[in-house]
Amino acid sequence: MSKDYNEIAKYEKAIKDKYGDETIQNPKKLWDEEKEKSYLRDLKKFYSKKDNNKERLTKSGFEIIQKKENKTAPRECPVCDAYSLSSGDDLYMTKFDCCFNCYIQYIEGREERWKSGWRPNK
């Protein structure tokens, strides 16, 4: 397969005209030593967070690494007693201690009242 450099240049020019000069630049052009150090720091921080869910124990001179249990949000809404497997309800269960439907019905627009302890009658 032969390369037609004129056709490649034509595509590059069309991309440049539509999206700007930055789209056809080599990414290494803007990469410097400081960005490399910052990238490596961020990478190290990311992987150290990944190890935070592991517990290290030392027994008889051996190091044992166990995975910590993940705490999951409750599946039953304490307000309406509805059981939900929806991942969308997890946010509302964690933040407001209720399901999405109860959030819409009782909390939306009245969050201060909810945070102060008000709950609907069952």
C-alpha atoms as a PDB file:
ATOM      1  CA  MET A   1       0.000   0.000   0.000  1.00  0.00           C
ATOM      2  CA  SER A   2       1.559   3.252  -1.065  1.00  0.00           C
ATOM      3  CA  LYS A   3       1.046   6.530   0.801  1.00  0.00           C
ATOM      4  CA  ASP A   4      -0.242   9.476  -1.129  1.00  0.00           C
ATOM      5  CA  TYR A   5       1.239  12.418   0.794  1.00  0.00           C
ATOM      6  CA  ASN A   6      -0.806  14.944  -1.176  1.00  0.00           C
ATOM      7  CA  GLU A   7      -4.016  13.278  -0.060  1.00  0.00           C
ATOM      8  CA  ILE A   8      -2.818  13.164   3.582  1.00  0.00           C
ATOM      9  CA  ALA A   9      -1.957  16.872   3.388  1.00  0.00           C
ATOM     10  CA  LYS A  10      -5.393  17.580   1.925  1.00  0.00           C
ATOM     11  CA  TYR A  11      -7.076  15.843   4.900  1.00  0.00           C
ATOM     12  CA  GLU A  12      -4.825  17.627   7.404  1.00  0.00           C
ATOM     13  CA  LYS A  13      -5.673  20.994   5.843  1.00  0.00           C
ATOM     14  CA  ALA A  14      -9.414  20.224   5.939  1.00  0.00           C
ATOM     15  CA  ILE A  15      -9.175  19.220   9.614  1.00  0.00           C
ATOM     16  CA  LYS A  16      -7.124  22.327  10.421  1.00  0.00           C
ATOM     17  CA  ASP A  17      -9.647  24.589   8.666  1.00  0.00           C
ATOM     18  CA  LYS A  18     -12.589  23.022  10.489  1.00  0.00           C
ATOM     19  CA  TYR A  19     -11.146  22.486  14.013  1.00  0.00           C
ATOM     20  CA  GLY A  20      -8.082  24.742  14.278  1.00  0.00           C
ATOM     21  CA  ASP A  21      -4.277  24.438  14.416  1.00  0.00           C
ATOM     22  CA  GLU A  22      -4.164  22.467  17.675  1.00  0.00           C
ATOM     23  CA  THR A  23      -5.900  19.437  16.146  1.00  0.00           C
ATOM     24  CA  ILE A  24      -3.063  18.606  13.773  1.00  0.00           C
ATOM     25  CA  GLN A  25      -0.133  19.295  16.120  1.00  0.00           C
ATOM     26  CA  ASN A  26       2.008  16.507  17.495  1.00  0.00           C
ATOM     27  CA  PRO A  27       1.035  16.057  21.183  1.00  0.00           C
ATOM     28  CA  LYS A  28       4.710  15.848  22.165  1.00  0.00           C
ATOM     29  CA  LYS A  29       5.193  19.441  21.021  1.00  0.00           C
ATOM     30  CA  LEU A  30       3.393  20.794  24.103  1.00  0.00           C
ATOM     31  CA  TRP A  31       4.818  18.212  26.549  1.00  0.00           C
ATOM     32  CA  ASP A  32       7.673  19.374  28.761  1.00  0.00           C
ATOM     33  CA  GLU A  33       9.576  18.180  31.842  1.00  0.00           C
ATOM     34  CA  GLU A  34       7.168  19.888  34.282  1.00  0.00           C
ATOM     35  CA  LYS A  35       4.123  18.243  32.694  1.00  0.00           C
ATOM     36  CA  GLU A  36       5.896  14.875  32.863  1.00  0.00           C
ATOM     37  CA  LYS A  37       6.565  15.324  36.611  1.00  0.00           C
ATOM     38  CA  SER A  38       2.983  16.423  37.213  1.00  0.00           C
ATOM     39  CA  TYR A  39       1.674  13.419  35.282  1.00  0.00           C
ATOM     40  CA  LEU A  40       3.820  11.003  37.275  1.00  0.00           C
ATOM     41  CA  ARG A  41       2.695  12.593  40.587  1.00  0.00           C
ATOM     42  CA  ASP A  42      -0.953  12.262  39.586  1.00  0.00           C
ATOM     43  CA  LEU A  43      -0.410   8.677  38.498  1.00  0.00           C
ATOM     44  CA  LYS A  44       1.237   7.836  41.809  1.00  0.00           C
ATOM     45  CA  LYS A  45      -1.612   9.493  43.722  1.00  0.00           C
ATOM     46  CA  PHE A  46      -4.187   7.545  41.694  1.00  0.00           C
ATOM     47  CA  TYR A  47      -2.607   4.184  42.407  1.00  0.00           C
ATOM     48  CA  SER A  48      -2.088   5.003  46.089  1.00  0.00           C
ATOM     49  CA  LYS A  49      -5.839   5.668  46.354  1.00  0.00           C
ATOM     50  CA  LYS A  50      -6.457   2.326  44.727  1.00  0.00           C
ATOM     51  CA  ASP A  51      -4.507   0.625  47.526  1.00  0.00           C
ATOM     52  CA  ASN A  52      -6.523   2.428  50.212  1.00  0.00           C
ATOM     53  CA  ASN A  53      -9.242  -0.209  49.995  1.00  0.00           C
ATOM     54  CA  LYS A  54      -6.727  -2.865  51.080  1.00  0.00           C
ATOM     55  CA  GLU A  55      -5.845  -3.633  54.662  1.00  0.00           C
ATOM     56  CA  ARG A  56      -2.347  -4.809  55.521  1.00  0.00           C
ATOM     57  CA  LEU A  57      -1.870  -7.186  58.452  1.00  0.00           C
ATOM     58  CA  THR A  58       1.377  -8.684  59.735  1.00  0.00           C
ATOM     59  CA  LYS A  59       1.175 -12.151  61.255  1.00  0.00           C
ATOM     60  CA  SER A  60       4.137 -14.345  62.106  1.00  0.00           C
ATOM     61  CA  GLY A  61       6.463 -12.197  60.022  1.00  0.00           C
ATOM     62  CA  PHE A  62       4.246 -12.360  56.926  1.00  0.00           C
ATOM     63  CA  GLU A  63       2.324  -9.459  55.459  1.00  0.00           C
ATOM     64  CA  ILE A  64      -1.259 -10.309  54.589  1.00  0.00           C
ATOM     65  CA  ILE A  65      -3.197  -7.997  52.289  1.00  0.00           C
ATOM     66  CA  GLN A  66      -6.966  -8.145  52.613  1.00  0.00           C
ATOM     67  CA  LYS A  67      -9.518  -6.184  50.679  1.00  0.00           C
ATOM     68  CA  LYS A  68     -11.658  -3.949  52.879  1.00  0.00           C
ATOM     69  CA  GLU A  69     -15.397  -4.438  52.692  1.00  0.00           C
ATOM     70  CA  ASN A  70     -17.236  -1.914  50.586  1.00  0.00           C
ATOM     71  CA  LYS A  71     -20.182  -0.369  52.343  1.00  0.00           C
ATOM     72  CA  THR A  72     -23.139  -0.190  50.014  1.00  0.00           C
ATOM     73  CA  ALA A  73     -26.135   2.040  50.254  1.00  0.00           C
ATOM     74  CA  PRO A  74     -29.283   0.456  51.722  1.00  0.00           C
ATOM     75  CA  ARG A  75     -31.709  -0.928  49.174  1.00  0.00           C
ATOM     76  CA  GLU A  76     -34.941  -0.116  51.012  1.00  0.00           C
ATOM     77  CA  CYS A  77     -36.185   3.463  51.266  1.00  0.00           C
ATOM     78  CA  PRO A  78     -36.909   4.359  54.908  1.00  0.00           C
ATOM     79  CA  VAL A  79     -39.535   6.907  53.832  1.00  0.00           C
ATOM     80  CA  CYS A  80     -41.763   4.842  51.532  1.00  0.00           C
ATOM     81  CA  ASP A  81     -40.390   1.307  52.226  1.00  0.00           C
ATOM     82  CA  ALA A  82     -39.896   0.721  48.496  1.00  0.00           C
ATOM     83  CA  TYR A  83     -37.117  -1.702  47.531  1.00  0.00           C
ATOM     84  CA  SER A  84     -34.888  -0.509  44.696  1.00  0.00           C
ATOM     85  CA  LEU A  85     -32.048  -2.038  42.708  1.00  0.00           C
ATOM     86  CA  SER A  86     -31.648   1.108  40.625  1.00  0.00           C
ATOM     87  CA  SER A  87     -28.145   2.564  40.669  1.00  0.00           C
ATOM     88  CA  GLY A  88     -29.754   5.997  40.270  1.00  0.00           C
ATOM     89  CA  ASP A  89     -31.267   5.694  43.755  1.00  0.00           C
ATOM     90  CA  ASP A  90     -27.821   5.172  45.332  1.00  0.00           C
ATOM     91  CA  LEU A  91     -27.024   8.888  45.183  1.00  0.00           C
ATOM     92  CA  TYR A  92     -30.263   9.870  46.895  1.00  0.00           C
ATOM     93  CA  MET A  93     -29.980   7.055  49.467  1.00  0.00           C
ATOM     94  CA  THR A  94     -26.489   8.231  50.384  1.00  0.00           C
ATOM     95  CA  LYS A  95     -27.151  11.967  50.427  1.00  0.00           C
ATOM     96  CA  PHE A  96     -30.777  12.234  51.583  1.00  0.00           C
ATOM     97  CA  ASP A  97     -31.559   8.768  53.013  1.00  0.00           C
ATOM     98  CA  CYS A  98     -34.443   8.216  50.599  1.00  0.00           C
ATOM     99  CA  CYS A  99     -35.147   6.965  47.074  1.00  0.00           C
ATOM    100  CA  PHE A 100     -35.385   9.120  43.951  1.00  0.00           C
ATOM    101  CA  ASN A 101     -39.203   9.182  43.987  1.00  0.00           C
ATOM    102  CA  CYS A 102     -39.262  10.446  47.588  1.00  0.00           C
ATOM    103  CA  TYR A 103     -36.619  13.020  46.699  1.00  0.00           C
ATOM    104  CA  ILE A 104     -38.833  14.389  43.912  1.00  0.00           C
ATOM    105  CA  GLN A 105     -41.978  14.308  46.067  1.00  0.00           C
ATOM    106  CA  TYR A 106     -40.671  15.587  49.416  1.00  0.00           C
ATOM    107  CA  ILE A 107     -37.188  17.114  49.103  1.00  0.00           C
ATOM    108  CA  GLU A 108     -36.650  18.867  45.779  1.00  0.00           C
ATOM    109  CA  GLY A 109     -36.789  22.605  46.445  1.00  0.00           C
ATOM    110  CA  ARG A 110     -37.133  22.007  50.212  1.00  0.00           C
ATOM    111  CA  GLU A 111     -33.707  20.590  51.060  1.00  0.00           C
ATOM    112  CA  GLU A 112     -33.170  22.822  54.122  1.00  0.00           C
ATOM    113  CA  ARG A 113     -36.390  21.556  55.693  1.00  0.00           C
ATOM    114  CA  TRP A 114     -35.287  17.955  55.050  1.00  0.00           C
ATOM    115  CA  LYS A 115     -31.818  18.548  56.496  1.00  0.00           C
ATOM    116  CA  SER A 116     -33.360  20.100  59.619  1.00  0.00           C
ATOM    117  CA  GLY A 117     -35.092  16.764  60.331  1.00  0.00           C
ATOM    118  CA  TRP A 118     -38.565  17.026  58.795  1.00  0.00           C
ATOM    119  CA  ARG A 119     -39.990  13.732  57.487  1.00  0.00           C
ATOM    120  CA  PRO A 120     -43.436  12.955  56.016  1.00  0.00           C
ATOM    121  CA  ASN A 121     -46.001  11.019  58.060  1.00  0.00           C
ATOM    122  CA  LYS A 122     -46.259   7.379  57.054  1.00  0.00           C
END
